[in-house]
Amino acid sequence: MPIEAVLFALLIATALVVARLRDLFAAAMLTGMFSLLSASLFTMMDAVDVAFTEAAVGAGISTVLLLGALSLTALHERQQPLRLLPFVVVFLTGSALVYGTVDMPAYGSADAPIHNDITDEFLHGSEKVHIPNVVTTVLGSYRGYDTLGETTVVFAAAMGVILMLGGRVRRRDELDAGHDAEDVVP
């Protein structure tokens, strides 16, 4: 069995466990593990730049922010009434994503867009922008807007979390009404 299949199976198992947990601390830790598994899978698929981003943002800062938010809340989730709309939205989104990948070339196929003749453009493009290093040419010139967009998304997410956590701080007895004393974070 290839390692990619094992990592993917672990991803699915981790996602199912996170979805079923009521302990929010354990769920936060498992989401960090999910991100590390995703980074490992990206590395196996030769997408090391995406793997680094997933490890830093998904397993790193996201876990820290989740734990920070968790320190302001109760440790266990309260039972919510079952709502059908979120399931419908997830099903429709998942169906659209699967439909969008139907005509993609197979994993590792020679017909994949990455195997087109753009490599020569990257290797000789450094002469156009007068940057001697090929990696710097690709990241700075060809992917500059992409990197700016990623930085903007991370900044916006961080500002959103700061604004959410900077609001009115509720007292612990308001948050934990109906829970046992051992459920409260000290």
N, C-alpha and C. Protein backbone atom coordinates (compact mmCIF):
# COMPACT_ATOMS: atom_id res chain seq x y z
N MET A 1 0.85 -1.19 0.00
CA MET A 1 0.00 0.00 0.00
C MET A 1 0.90 1.24 0.00
N PRO A 2 0.70 2.17 -0.94
CA PRO A 2 1.54 3.37 -0.98
C PRO A 2 1.31 4.26 0.23
N ILE A 3 2.35 4.99 0.59
CA ILE A 3 2.30 5.84 1.79
C ILE A 3 1.25 6.94 1.64
N GLU A 4 1.01 7.41 0.40
CA GLU A 4 -0.01 8.44 0.20
C GLU A 4 -1.39 7.93 0.62
N ALA A 5 -1.69 6.67 0.33
CA ALA A 5 -2.99 6.10 0.71
C ALA A 5 -3.10 5.98 2.23
N VAL A 6 -2.01 5.63 2.88
CA VAL A 6 -2.02 5.53 4.35
C VAL A 6 -2.24 6.91 4.96
N LEU A 7 -1.53 7.92 4.46
CA LEU A 7 -1.70 9.28 4.98
C LEU A 7 -3.12 9.80 4.73
N PHE A 8 -3.67 9.49 3.56
CA PHE A 8 -5.03 9.92 3.27
C PHE A 8 -6.04 9.23 4.18
N ALA A 9 -5.83 7.95 4.45
CA ALA A 9 -6.72 7.23 5.37
C ALA A 9 -6.63 7.82 6.78
N LEU A 10 -5.43 8.19 7.21
CA LEU A 10 -5.26 8.83 8.51
C LEU A 10 -5.94 10.20 8.55
N LEU A 11 -5.89 10.93 7.43
CA LEU A 11 -6.58 12.22 7.35
C LEU A 11 -8.08 12.04 7.55
N ILE A 12 -8.64 11.08 6.86
CA ILE A 12 -10.08 10.83 6.97
C ILE A 12 -10.45 10.41 8.39
N ALA A 13 -9.66 9.52 8.97
CA ALA A 13 -9.93 9.06 10.33
C ALA A 13 -9.85 10.22 11.32
N THR A 14 -8.84 11.07 11.18
CA THR A 14 -8.68 12.22 12.08
C THR A 14 -9.86 13.17 11.93
N ALA A 15 -10.29 13.43 10.70
CA ALA A 15 -11.43 14.33 10.47
C ALA A 15 -12.69 13.78 11.11
N LEU A 16 -12.92 12.48 10.99
CA LEU A 16 -14.11 11.88 11.59
C LEU A 16 -14.07 11.96 13.11
N VAL A 17 -12.91 11.74 13.70
CA VAL A 17 -12.78 11.82 15.16
C VAL A 17 -13.01 13.25 15.63
N VAL A 18 -12.44 14.23 14.92
CA VAL A 18 -12.63 15.64 15.31
C VAL A 18 -14.11 16.01 15.23
N ALA A 19 -14.79 15.54 14.21
CA ALA A 19 -16.21 15.86 14.05
C ALA A 19 -17.07 15.27 15.17
N ARG A 20 -16.64 14.19 15.77
CA ARG A 20 -17.43 13.51 16.81
C ARG A 20 -17.06 13.93 18.23
N LEU A 21 -15.94 14.60 18.42
CA LEU A 21 -15.48 14.95 19.77
C LEU A 21 -16.33 16.04 20.40
N ARG A 22 -16.51 15.94 21.70
CA ARG A 22 -17.15 17.00 22.48
C ARG A 22 -16.10 17.77 23.30
N ASP A 23 -14.93 17.17 23.50
CA ASP A 23 -13.84 17.81 24.22
C ASP A 23 -13.12 18.76 23.26
N LEU A 24 -13.25 20.05 23.48
CA LEU A 24 -12.72 21.04 22.55
C LEU A 24 -11.20 21.09 22.55
N PHE A 25 -10.56 20.82 23.70
CA PHE A 25 -9.10 20.79 23.73
C PHE A 25 -8.57 19.66 22.85
N ALA A 26 -9.16 18.48 22.97
CA ALA A 26 -8.74 17.34 22.14
C ALA A 26 -9.00 17.64 20.67
N ALA A 27 -10.12 18.29 20.37
CA ALA A 27 -10.42 18.64 18.97
C ALA A 27 -9.39 19.63 18.43
N ALA A 28 -8.97 20.60 19.24
CA ALA A 28 -7.95 21.56 18.80
C ALA A 28 -6.62 20.86 18.52
N MET A 29 -6.25 19.93 19.40
CA MET A 29 -5.00 19.20 19.19
C MET A 29 -5.07 18.31 17.94
N LEU A 30 -6.20 17.69 17.73
CA LEU A 30 -6.35 16.82 16.56
C LEU A 30 -6.38 17.62 15.26
N THR A 31 -6.88 18.85 15.28
CA THR A 31 -6.82 19.66 14.07
C THR A 31 -5.37 20.01 13.73
N GLY A 32 -4.53 20.21 14.75
CA GLY A 32 -3.11 20.40 14.49
C GLY A 32 -2.47 19.15 13.89
N MET A 33 -2.87 17.98 14.39
CA MET A 33 -2.36 16.73 13.82
C MET A 33 -2.86 16.55 12.39
N PHE A 34 -4.10 16.95 12.13
CA PHE A 34 -4.65 16.89 10.77
C PHE A 34 -3.79 17.73 9.83
N SER A 35 -3.41 18.92 10.27
CA SER A 35 -2.58 19.79 9.43
C SER A 35 -1.21 19.18 9.18
N LEU A 36 -0.63 18.55 10.19
CA LEU A 36 0.67 17.90 9.98
C LEU A 36 0.56 16.72 9.03
N LEU A 37 -0.52 15.96 9.12
CA LEU A 37 -0.75 14.88 8.16
C LEU A 37 -0.92 15.44 6.75
N SER A 38 -1.64 16.56 6.63
CA SER A 38 -1.80 17.20 5.33
C SER A 38 -0.45 17.66 4.78
N ALA A 39 0.37 18.25 5.64
CA ALA A 39 1.70 18.69 5.20
C ALA A 39 2.54 17.50 4.74
N SER A 40 2.43 16.39 5.44
CA SER A 40 3.16 15.18 5.03
C SER A 40 2.67 14.68 3.68
N LEU A 41 1.37 14.71 3.47
CA LEU A 41 0.81 14.27 2.19
C LEU A 41 1.25 15.21 1.06
N PHE A 42 1.27 16.52 1.31
CA PHE A 42 1.74 17.47 0.30
C PHE A 42 3.21 17.23 -0.03
N THR A 43 4.00 16.91 0.98
CA THR A 43 5.42 16.63 0.74
C THR A 43 5.58 15.39 -0.13
N MET A 44 4.80 14.36 0.14
CA MET A 44 4.87 13.14 -0.67
C MET A 44 4.46 13.40 -2.12
N MET A 45 3.62 14.40 -2.35
CA MET A 45 3.18 14.73 -3.70
C MET A 45 4.04 15.82 -4.34
N ASP A 46 5.24 16.06 -3.77
CA ASP A 46 6.21 17.04 -4.28
C ASP A 46 5.69 18.47 -4.30
N ALA A 47 4.84 18.82 -3.35
CA ALA A 47 4.36 20.19 -3.20
C ALA A 47 4.92 20.74 -1.88
N VAL A 48 6.24 20.85 -1.84
CA VAL A 48 6.92 21.20 -0.59
C VAL A 48 6.57 22.60 -0.13
N ASP A 49 6.39 23.54 -1.07
CA ASP A 49 6.02 24.90 -0.66
C ASP A 49 4.66 24.94 0.02
N VAL A 50 3.73 24.16 -0.49
CA VAL A 50 2.40 24.07 0.12
C VAL A 50 2.50 23.36 1.47
N ALA A 51 3.37 22.35 1.56
CA ALA A 51 3.56 21.63 2.82
C ALA A 51 4.11 22.55 3.91
N PHE A 52 5.08 23.39 3.56
CA PHE A 52 5.63 24.34 4.53
C PHE A 52 4.55 25.30 5.02
N THR A 53 3.74 25.80 4.10
CA THR A 53 2.67 26.72 4.48
C THR A 53 1.66 26.03 5.37
N GLU A 54 1.28 24.80 5.02
CA GLU A 54 0.31 24.05 5.83
C GLU A 54 0.86 23.78 7.23
N ALA A 55 2.14 23.42 7.31
CA ALA A 55 2.73 23.14 8.62
C ALA A 55 2.80 24.41 9.46
N ALA A 56 3.20 25.52 8.85
CA ALA A 56 3.35 26.76 9.61
C ALA A 56 2.00 27.35 10.00
N VAL A 57 1.09 27.45 9.05
CA VAL A 57 -0.20 28.09 9.31
C VAL A 57 -1.18 27.12 9.94
N GLY A 58 -1.34 25.93 9.33
CA GLY A 58 -2.33 24.97 9.80
C GLY A 58 -2.00 24.37 11.14
N ALA A 59 -0.78 23.84 11.27
CA ALA A 59 -0.40 23.19 12.52
C ALA A 59 0.16 24.18 13.53
N GLY A 60 0.76 25.25 13.05
CA GLY A 60 1.39 26.21 13.95
C GLY A 60 0.45 27.25 14.50
N ILE A 61 0.27 28.31 13.73
CA ILE A 61 -0.47 29.46 14.23
C ILE A 61 -1.95 29.15 14.46
N SER A 62 -2.55 28.31 13.63
CA SER A 62 -3.98 27.99 13.83
C SER A 62 -4.20 27.26 15.16
N THR A 63 -3.31 26.33 15.49
CA THR A 63 -3.44 25.62 16.75
C THR A 63 -3.26 26.57 17.93
N VAL A 64 -2.31 27.47 17.82
CA VAL A 64 -2.10 28.45 18.89
C VAL A 64 -3.33 29.35 19.04
N LEU A 65 -3.90 29.79 17.93
CA LEU A 65 -5.09 30.64 18.00
C LEU A 65 -6.29 29.88 18.54
N LEU A 66 -6.43 28.61 18.15
CA LEU A 66 -7.52 27.80 18.71
C LEU A 66 -7.37 27.62 20.22
N LEU A 67 -6.16 27.37 20.67
CA LEU A 67 -5.94 27.22 22.12
C LEU A 67 -6.17 28.53 22.85
N GLY A 68 -5.81 29.65 22.22
CA GLY A 68 -6.08 30.96 22.82
C GLY A 68 -7.57 31.22 22.94
N ALA A 69 -8.32 30.88 21.90
CA ALA A 69 -9.77 31.05 21.96
C ALA A 69 -10.38 30.08 22.97
N LEU A 70 -9.84 28.89 23.05
CA LEU A 70 -10.35 27.89 23.99
C LEU A 70 -10.12 28.31 25.44
N SER A 71 -9.06 29.07 25.67
CA SER A 71 -8.81 29.53 27.05
C SER A 71 -9.89 30.51 27.52
N LEU A 72 -10.65 31.06 26.60
CA LEU A 72 -11.72 31.99 26.95
C LEU A 72 -13.10 31.34 27.00
N THR A 73 -13.14 30.02 26.77
CA THR A 73 -14.43 29.33 26.72
C THR A 73 -14.40 28.11 27.61
N ALA A 74 -15.48 27.35 27.57
CA ALA A 74 -15.56 26.09 28.30
C ALA A 74 -14.81 25.01 27.54
N LEU A 75 -14.49 23.93 28.22
CA LEU A 75 -13.72 22.85 27.60
C LEU A 75 -14.58 21.87 26.81
N HIS A 76 -15.88 21.86 27.07
CA HIS A 76 -16.74 20.91 26.38
C HIS A 76 -17.82 21.63 25.60
N GLU A 77 -18.18 21.06 24.48
CA GLU A 77 -19.20 21.62 23.61
C GLU A 77 -20.58 21.32 24.18
N ARG A 78 -21.44 22.30 24.13
CA ARG A 78 -22.83 22.07 24.52
C ARG A 78 -23.57 21.44 23.35
N GLN A 79 -24.55 20.60 23.66
CA GLN A 79 -25.32 19.95 22.61
C GLN A 79 -26.15 20.99 21.86
N GLN A 80 -26.00 21.00 20.56
CA GLN A 80 -26.74 21.91 19.70
C GLN A 80 -27.86 21.14 19.01
N PRO A 81 -28.96 21.81 18.71
CA PRO A 81 -30.02 21.12 17.94
C PRO A 81 -29.51 20.81 16.54
N LEU A 82 -29.95 19.69 16.01
CA LEU A 82 -29.54 19.26 14.67
C LEU A 82 -30.14 20.21 13.63
N ARG A 83 -29.27 20.75 12.78
CA ARG A 83 -29.70 21.63 11.71
C ARG A 83 -29.31 21.00 10.38
N LEU A 84 -30.20 21.02 9.44
CA LEU A 84 -30.00 20.36 8.16
C LEU A 84 -29.21 21.21 7.17
N LEU A 85 -29.35 22.52 7.23
CA LEU A 85 -28.72 23.40 6.25
C LEU A 85 -27.20 23.24 6.16
N PRO A 86 -26.45 23.17 7.26
CA PRO A 86 -25.01 22.97 7.13
C PRO A 86 -24.64 21.69 6.39
N PHE A 87 -25.38 20.62 6.63
CA PHE A 87 -25.10 19.36 5.92
C PHE A 87 -25.36 19.50 4.42
N VAL A 88 -26.42 20.22 4.07
CA VAL A 88 -26.73 20.43 2.65
C VAL A 88 -25.63 21.26 1.99
N VAL A 89 -25.18 22.31 2.66
CA VAL A 89 -24.12 23.17 2.11
C VAL A 89 -22.83 22.37 1.92
N VAL A 90 -22.44 21.57 2.92
CA VAL A 90 -21.23 20.76 2.81
C VAL A 90 -21.36 19.73 1.69
N PHE A 91 -22.51 19.10 1.57
CA PHE A 91 -22.71 18.12 0.51
C PHE A 91 -22.63 18.77 -0.87
N LEU A 92 -23.28 19.92 -1.04
CA LEU A 92 -23.25 20.60 -2.33
C LEU A 92 -21.84 21.09 -2.68
N THR A 93 -21.13 21.63 -1.69
CA THR A 93 -19.76 22.08 -1.93
C THR A 93 -18.86 20.91 -2.28
N GLY A 94 -18.96 19.82 -1.54
CA GLY A 94 -18.16 18.63 -1.84
C GLY A 94 -18.47 18.06 -3.21
N SER A 95 -19.74 18.05 -3.58
CA SER A 95 -20.13 17.57 -4.91
C SER A 95 -19.55 18.45 -6.01
N ALA A 96 -19.57 19.76 -5.80
CA ALA A 96 -19.00 20.68 -6.80
C ALA A 96 -17.49 20.47 -6.93
N LEU A 97 -16.82 20.24 -5.81
CA LEU A 97 -15.37 19.99 -5.86
C LEU A 97 -15.06 18.68 -6.58
N VAL A 98 -15.81 17.64 -6.31
CA VAL A 98 -15.59 16.36 -6.99
C VAL A 98 -15.88 16.52 -8.48
N TYR A 99 -16.96 17.20 -8.83
CA TYR A 99 -17.30 17.41 -10.23
C TYR A 99 -16.20 18.20 -10.95
N GLY A 100 -15.61 19.16 -10.25
CA GLY A 100 -14.54 19.97 -10.85
C GLY A 100 -13.26 19.21 -11.10
N THR A 101 -13.07 18.07 -10.44
CA THR A 101 -11.84 17.30 -10.63
C THR A 101 -12.01 16.12 -11.57
N VAL A 102 -13.19 15.94 -12.14
CA VAL A 102 -13.44 14.78 -13.00
C VAL A 102 -12.54 14.77 -14.23
N ASP A 103 -12.33 15.93 -14.85
CA ASP A 103 -11.55 15.96 -16.08
C ASP A 103 -10.06 16.25 -15.87
N MET A 104 -9.59 16.19 -14.64
CA MET A 104 -8.17 16.40 -14.38
C MET A 104 -7.35 15.19 -14.82
N PRO A 105 -6.10 15.42 -15.23
CA PRO A 105 -5.25 14.27 -15.55
C PRO A 105 -4.94 13.46 -14.30
N ALA A 106 -4.62 12.20 -14.47
CA ALA A 106 -4.33 11.31 -13.34
C ALA A 106 -3.08 11.80 -12.59
N TYR A 107 -3.02 11.45 -11.32
CA TYR A 107 -1.87 11.82 -10.49
C TYR A 107 -0.59 11.24 -11.09
N GLY A 108 0.39 12.09 -11.36
CA GLY A 108 1.66 11.65 -11.93
C GLY A 108 1.64 11.51 -13.44
N SER A 109 0.55 11.89 -14.08
CA SER A 109 0.43 11.75 -15.54
C SER A 109 1.38 12.70 -16.26
N ALA A 110 1.90 12.25 -17.40
CA ALA A 110 2.79 13.09 -18.20
C ALA A 110 2.02 14.23 -18.87
N ASP A 111 0.69 14.12 -18.93
CA ASP A 111 -0.13 15.17 -19.54
C ASP A 111 -0.49 16.29 -18.57
N ALA A 112 -0.08 16.17 -17.33
CA ALA A 112 -0.42 17.18 -16.33
C ALA A 112 0.22 18.52 -16.71
N PRO A 113 -0.43 19.63 -16.39
CA PRO A 113 0.09 20.95 -16.76
C PRO A 113 1.50 21.24 -16.23
N ILE A 114 1.85 20.62 -15.12
CA ILE A 114 3.18 20.88 -14.56
C ILE A 114 4.30 20.37 -15.46
N HIS A 115 3.98 19.42 -16.34
CA HIS A 115 5.00 18.85 -17.22
C HIS A 115 5.07 19.54 -18.58
N ASN A 116 4.40 20.67 -18.73
CA ASN A 116 4.49 21.43 -19.97
C ASN A 116 5.83 22.11 -20.08
N ASP A 117 6.09 22.78 -21.17
CA ASP A 117 7.41 23.35 -21.44
C ASP A 117 7.64 24.70 -20.78
N ILE A 118 7.04 24.94 -19.64
CA ILE A 118 7.22 26.23 -18.97
C ILE A 118 8.54 26.29 -18.19
N THR A 119 9.14 25.12 -17.96
CA THR A 119 10.39 25.08 -17.21
C THR A 119 11.47 25.92 -17.88
N ASP A 120 11.57 25.82 -19.20
CA ASP A 120 12.57 26.63 -19.91
C ASP A 120 12.32 28.12 -19.71
N GLU A 121 11.06 28.50 -19.68
CA GLU A 121 10.73 29.91 -19.45
C GLU A 121 11.21 30.35 -18.07
N PHE A 122 11.04 29.50 -17.07
CA PHE A 122 11.51 29.85 -15.73
C PHE A 122 13.04 29.91 -15.68
N LEU A 123 13.71 28.96 -16.31
CA LEU A 123 15.17 28.91 -16.26
C LEU A 123 15.79 30.07 -17.01
N HIS A 124 15.22 30.45 -18.15
CA HIS A 124 15.79 31.54 -18.94
C HIS A 124 15.11 32.87 -18.65
N GLY A 125 14.04 32.84 -17.87
CA GLY A 125 13.34 34.07 -17.51
C GLY A 125 14.14 34.94 -16.56
N SER A 126 15.12 34.34 -15.86
CA SER A 126 15.92 35.14 -14.93
C SER A 126 16.73 36.18 -15.67
N GLU A 127 16.99 35.95 -16.95
CA GLU A 127 17.71 36.95 -17.75
C GLU A 127 16.81 38.15 -18.03
N LYS A 128 15.50 37.93 -18.13
CA LYS A 128 14.56 39.03 -18.40
C LYS A 128 14.42 39.96 -17.21
N VAL A 129 14.41 39.40 -16.01
CA VAL A 129 14.20 40.22 -14.82
C VAL A 129 15.50 40.56 -14.10
N HIS A 130 16.61 40.08 -14.63
CA HIS A 130 17.95 40.39 -14.11
C HIS A 130 18.15 39.93 -12.67
N ILE A 131 17.64 38.74 -12.36
CA ILE A 131 17.85 38.13 -11.06
C ILE A 131 18.63 36.85 -11.31
N PRO A 132 19.81 36.69 -10.72
CA PRO A 132 20.65 35.53 -11.06
C PRO A 132 20.15 34.20 -10.50
N ASN A 133 19.38 34.21 -9.45
CA ASN A 133 18.93 32.98 -8.81
C ASN A 133 17.57 32.57 -9.37
N VAL A 134 17.45 31.32 -9.85
CA VAL A 134 16.22 30.84 -10.47
C VAL A 134 15.07 30.80 -9.46
N VAL A 135 15.34 30.34 -8.23
CA VAL A 135 14.29 30.25 -7.23
C VAL A 135 13.76 31.64 -6.90
N THR A 136 14.64 32.59 -6.73
CA THR A 136 14.21 33.96 -6.44
C THR A 136 13.43 34.54 -7.60
N THR A 137 13.82 34.20 -8.81
CA THR A 137 13.08 34.67 -9.99
C THR A 137 11.66 34.16 -9.98
N VAL A 138 11.49 32.87 -9.71
CA VAL A 138 10.15 32.29 -9.71
C VAL A 138 9.31 32.88 -8.58
N LEU A 139 9.85 32.91 -7.38
CA LEU A 139 9.08 33.40 -6.24
C LEU A 139 8.83 34.90 -6.30
N GLY A 140 9.82 35.65 -6.73
CA GLY A 140 9.69 37.11 -6.73
C GLY A 140 8.99 37.68 -7.94
N SER A 141 9.18 37.07 -9.08
CA SER A 141 8.62 37.64 -10.30
C SER A 141 7.34 36.93 -10.75
N TYR A 142 7.41 35.63 -10.90
CA TYR A 142 6.27 34.89 -11.43
C TYR A 142 5.19 34.64 -10.39
N ARG A 143 5.58 34.47 -9.11
CA ARG A 143 4.59 34.17 -8.07
C ARG A 143 4.44 35.31 -7.09
N GLY A 144 4.86 36.48 -7.45
CA GLY A 144 4.79 37.63 -6.54
C GLY A 144 3.38 37.97 -6.11
N TYR A 145 2.45 38.00 -7.05
CA TYR A 145 1.06 38.31 -6.70
C TYR A 145 0.43 37.20 -5.87
N ASP A 146 0.80 35.97 -6.18
CA ASP A 146 0.31 34.84 -5.40
C ASP A 146 0.76 34.95 -3.95
N THR A 147 2.04 35.26 -3.76
CA THR A 147 2.59 35.40 -2.41
C THR A 147 1.94 36.58 -1.69
N LEU A 148 1.72 37.67 -2.40
CA LEU A 148 1.04 38.83 -1.80
C LEU A 148 -0.38 38.46 -1.38
N GLY A 149 -1.07 37.69 -2.21
CA GLY A 149 -2.42 37.26 -1.87
C GLY A 149 -2.44 36.37 -0.65
N GLU A 150 -1.49 35.42 -0.58
CA GLU A 150 -1.42 34.53 0.59
C GLU A 150 -1.14 35.33 1.86
N THR A 151 -0.24 36.29 1.77
CA THR A 151 0.09 37.12 2.93
C THR A 151 -1.12 37.93 3.36
N THR A 152 -1.88 38.44 2.41
CA THR A 152 -3.09 39.22 2.72
C THR A 152 -4.13 38.35 3.42
N VAL A 153 -4.31 37.12 2.96
CA VAL A 153 -5.28 36.22 3.58
C VAL A 153 -4.88 35.90 5.02
N VAL A 154 -3.59 35.60 5.25
CA VAL A 154 -3.13 35.29 6.61
C VAL A 154 -3.29 36.52 7.51
N PHE A 155 -2.96 37.70 7.00
CA PHE A 155 -3.12 38.93 7.78
C PHE A 155 -4.58 39.18 8.13
N ALA A 156 -5.47 39.01 7.15
CA ALA A 156 -6.90 39.23 7.40
C ALA A 156 -7.44 38.23 8.42
N ALA A 157 -7.00 36.98 8.33
CA ALA A 157 -7.44 35.97 9.29
C ALA A 157 -6.95 36.31 10.70
N ALA A 158 -5.70 36.73 10.82
CA ALA A 158 -5.16 37.10 12.12
C ALA A 158 -5.90 38.30 12.70
N MET A 159 -6.20 39.28 11.88
CA MET A 159 -6.94 40.45 12.36
C MET A 159 -8.35 40.08 12.79
N GLY A 160 -8.98 39.16 12.05
CA GLY A 160 -10.31 38.70 12.42
C GLY A 160 -10.31 38.02 13.78
N VAL A 161 -9.31 37.17 14.02
CA VAL A 161 -9.22 36.48 15.31
C VAL A 161 -8.95 37.48 16.43
N ILE A 162 -8.08 38.44 16.18
CA ILE A 162 -7.77 39.45 17.20
C ILE A 162 -9.03 40.26 17.53
N LEU A 163 -9.79 40.63 16.51
CA LEU A 163 -11.02 41.39 16.75
C LEU A 163 -12.05 40.55 17.50
N MET A 164 -12.15 39.26 17.15
CA MET A 164 -13.10 38.40 17.86
C MET A 164 -12.70 38.21 19.31
N LEU A 165 -11.43 37.96 19.56
CA LEU A 165 -10.98 37.71 20.93
C LEU A 165 -10.87 38.99 21.75
N GLY A 166 -10.79 40.13 21.10
CA GLY A 166 -10.65 41.39 21.81
C GLY A 166 -11.97 41.98 22.26
N GLY A 167 -13.06 41.31 21.97
CA GLY A 167 -14.39 41.80 22.36
C GLY A 167 -14.61 41.69 23.85
N ARG A 168 -15.85 41.80 24.24
CA ARG A 168 -16.24 41.73 25.64
C ARG A 168 -15.81 40.39 26.22
N VAL A 169 -15.08 40.41 27.30
CA VAL A 169 -14.66 39.18 27.98
C VAL A 169 -15.76 38.78 28.94
N ARG A 170 -16.29 37.59 28.75
CA ARG A 170 -17.37 37.10 29.61
C ARG A 170 -16.79 36.41 30.83
N ARG A 171 -17.54 36.46 31.87
CA ARG A 171 -17.11 35.77 33.09
C ARG A 171 -17.26 34.28 32.91
N ARG A 172 -16.43 33.53 33.60
CA ARG A 172 -16.44 32.07 33.48
C ARG A 172 -17.78 31.47 33.89
N ASP A 173 -18.42 32.04 34.88
CA ASP A 173 -19.69 31.45 35.31
C ASP A 173 -20.78 31.65 34.26
N GLU A 174 -20.66 32.69 33.41
CA GLU A 174 -21.59 32.86 32.30
C GLU A 174 -21.36 31.79 31.24
N LEU A 175 -20.08 31.49 30.97
CA LEU A 175 -19.73 30.53 29.92
C LEU A 175 -20.06 29.11 30.31
N ASP A 176 -19.89 28.80 31.57
CA ASP A 176 -19.97 27.41 32.00
C ASP A 176 -21.26 27.08 32.73
N ALA A 177 -22.26 27.87 32.56
CA ALA A 177 -23.54 27.56 33.20
C ALA A 177 -24.03 26.19 32.71
N GLY A 178 -24.27 25.33 33.65
CA GLY A 178 -24.72 23.99 33.28
C GLY A 178 -23.61 22.97 33.16
N HIS A 179 -22.33 23.36 33.33
CA HIS A 179 -21.20 22.42 33.26
C HIS A 179 -20.61 22.22 34.64
N ASP A 180 -19.93 21.12 34.84
CA ASP A 180 -19.26 20.83 36.09
C ASP A 180 -18.05 21.72 36.24
N ALA A 181 -17.59 21.88 37.45
CA ALA A 181 -16.44 22.74 37.74
C ALA A 181 -15.17 22.24 37.08
N GLU A 182 -15.02 20.91 36.90
CA GLU A 182 -13.77 20.40 36.30
C GLU A 182 -13.70 20.67 34.80
N ASP A 183 -14.79 21.10 34.18
CA ASP A 183 -14.79 21.41 32.75
C ASP A 183 -14.20 22.78 32.47
N VAL A 184 -14.03 23.61 33.48
CA VAL A 184 -13.61 24.97 33.28
C VAL A 184 -12.09 25.05 33.24
N VAL A 185 -11.58 25.81 32.28
CA VAL A 185 -10.14 26.05 32.20
C VAL A 185 -9.76 26.98 33.33
N PRO A 186 -8.72 26.67 34.12
CA PRO A 186 -8.35 27.57 35.23
C PRO A 186 -7.80 28.87 34.74
